[in-house]
Amino acid sequence: MKEIYELTSMDMVEQFIEQHEMSFLYVSRQECSVCHALLPKIRELLKPYPSIHLGHIDANQVEEVASRFLILTVPIMLMLVEKREVIRADRFVRLDRLAEQLEQIFNMYT
């Protein structure tokens, strides 16, 4: 099972991005049913990529995340490589398209 890092402050988010060449941030809210349903699917999607680290941020707990990453809705998924955003997917995500993007980016950087 893919490990999920629970990021509970903006400092933790910034350290997570700094420490991992490939970061995948999943931003959700407690009251979001789509968020709860999608997280296990994202976790499964990332399983074949051990060098992509999955961080989960509860936007209710870390309110600054919205302004830092210009987030207007949840869930939102951000893939960062070397601290640069390379994928942004939100709300109703096509998992097949996201899988293709992950594969392309992973192959480019590894």
Protein backbone atom coordinates (compact mmCIF):
# COMPACT_ATOMS: atom_id res chain seq x y z
CA MET A 1 0.00 0.00 0.00
CA LYS A 2 1.31 3.44 -0.95
CA GLU A 3 2.28 5.50 2.08
CA ILE A 4 0.37 8.74 2.57
CA TYR A 5 2.12 11.57 4.39
CA GLU A 6 -0.37 13.65 6.38
CA LEU A 7 0.72 17.28 6.02
CA THR A 8 -0.85 19.37 8.78
CA SER A 9 0.84 22.74 8.29
CA MET A 10 2.20 24.88 5.48
CA ASP A 11 5.71 24.31 6.85
CA MET A 12 5.19 20.55 6.51
CA VAL A 13 3.92 21.00 2.95
CA GLU A 14 6.94 23.10 1.97
CA GLN A 15 9.36 20.62 3.61
CA PHE A 16 7.64 17.72 1.84
CA ILE A 17 8.08 19.41 -1.54
CA GLU A 18 11.68 20.33 -0.70
CA GLN A 19 12.60 16.79 0.43
CA HIS A 20 11.11 14.87 -2.50
CA GLU A 21 12.08 15.29 -6.11
CA MET A 22 8.63 14.00 -7.11
CA SER A 23 5.70 15.06 -4.92
CA PHE A 24 2.03 14.37 -5.43
CA LEU A 25 -0.21 16.54 -3.27
CA TYR A 26 -3.83 15.56 -2.65
CA VAL A 27 -5.86 18.41 -1.16
CA SER A 28 -9.28 17.64 0.28
CA ARG A 29 -11.83 18.71 2.88
CA GLN A 30 -13.44 16.55 5.56
CA GLU A 31 -16.98 17.23 4.32
CA CYS A 32 -16.19 16.35 0.68
CA SER A 33 -17.57 12.93 -0.28
CA VAL A 34 -15.80 12.99 -3.66
CA CYS A 35 -12.51 13.58 -1.81
CA HIS A 36 -12.99 10.50 0.37
CA ALA A 37 -13.94 8.30 -2.59
CA LEU A 38 -11.07 9.43 -4.79
CA LEU A 39 -8.13 9.20 -2.36
CA PRO A 40 -7.93 5.36 -2.35
CA LYS A 41 -8.00 5.38 -6.16
CA ILE A 42 -5.16 7.90 -6.30
CA ARG A 43 -3.21 5.85 -3.79
CA GLU A 44 -3.64 2.77 -5.99
CA LEU A 45 -2.74 4.75 -9.14
CA LEU A 46 0.57 5.84 -7.56
CA LYS A 47 1.51 2.38 -6.27
CA PRO A 48 3.76 1.51 -9.26
CA TYR A 49 5.78 4.71 -8.74
CA PRO A 50 7.88 4.39 -5.57
CA SER A 51 9.73 7.65 -6.24
CA ILE A 52 6.49 9.68 -6.30
CA HIS A 53 5.64 10.61 -2.71
CA LEU A 54 1.98 11.17 -1.82
CA GLY A 55 1.09 13.96 0.58
CA HIS A 56 -2.44 14.58 1.86
CA ILE A 57 -3.54 18.04 2.99
CA ASP A 58 -6.86 18.78 4.67
CA ALA A 59 -7.74 22.28 3.44
CA ASN A 60 -9.85 22.84 6.57
CA GLN A 61 -6.77 22.32 8.72
CA VAL A 62 -4.21 24.06 6.46
CA GLU A 63 -6.21 26.99 5.11
CA GLU A 64 -3.16 28.71 3.57
CA VAL A 65 -2.84 25.88 1.05
CA ALA A 66 -5.62 27.45 -1.05
CA SER A 67 -3.73 30.69 -1.60
CA ARG A 68 -0.32 29.03 -1.95
CA PHE A 69 -1.48 26.76 -4.80
CA LEU A 70 -4.40 28.85 -6.13
CA ILE A 71 -6.99 26.23 -5.19
CA LEU A 72 -10.64 27.01 -5.85
CA THR A 73 -12.21 23.57 -5.37
CA VAL A 74 -11.45 20.19 -3.84
CA PRO A 75 -10.31 17.59 -4.36
CA ILE A 76 -7.29 18.81 -6.21
CA MET A 77 -4.22 16.84 -7.16
CA LEU A 78 -0.91 18.52 -7.82
CA MET A 79 2.16 16.72 -9.11
CA LEU A 80 5.41 18.58 -8.57
CA VAL A 81 8.78 17.63 -9.98
CA GLU A 82 11.78 19.48 -8.62
CA LYS A 83 9.35 21.91 -6.92
CA ARG A 84 7.58 22.78 -10.20
CA GLU A 85 3.94 21.94 -10.85
CA VAL A 86 3.63 19.54 -13.79
CA ILE A 87 0.10 18.16 -13.28
CA ARG A 88 -3.03 19.82 -11.90
CA ALA A 89 -6.28 17.87 -11.78
CA ASP A 90 -9.35 18.79 -9.79
CA ARG A 91 -12.84 17.78 -8.79
CA PHE A 92 -13.99 15.22 -11.37
CA VAL A 93 -10.77 13.58 -12.48
CA ARG A 94 -10.46 11.21 -15.40
CA LEU A 95 -8.24 8.57 -13.82
CA ASP A 96 -7.24 7.11 -17.20
CA ARG A 97 -5.96 10.52 -18.36
CA LEU A 98 -4.21 11.11 -15.04
CA ALA A 99 -2.54 7.69 -15.34
CA GLU A 100 -1.25 8.61 -18.82
CA GLN A 101 0.13 11.92 -17.56
CA LEU A 102 1.84 10.22 -14.62
CA GLU A 103 3.44 7.64 -16.91
CA GLN A 104 4.73 10.33 -19.29
CA ILE A 105 6.18 12.49 -16.55
CA PHE A 106 7.67 9.57 -14.66
CA ASN A 107 9.39 8.34 -17.82
CA MET A 108 10.72 11.81 -18.64
CA TYR A 109 12.31 12.29 -15.20
CA THR A 110 13.61 8.79 -14.49
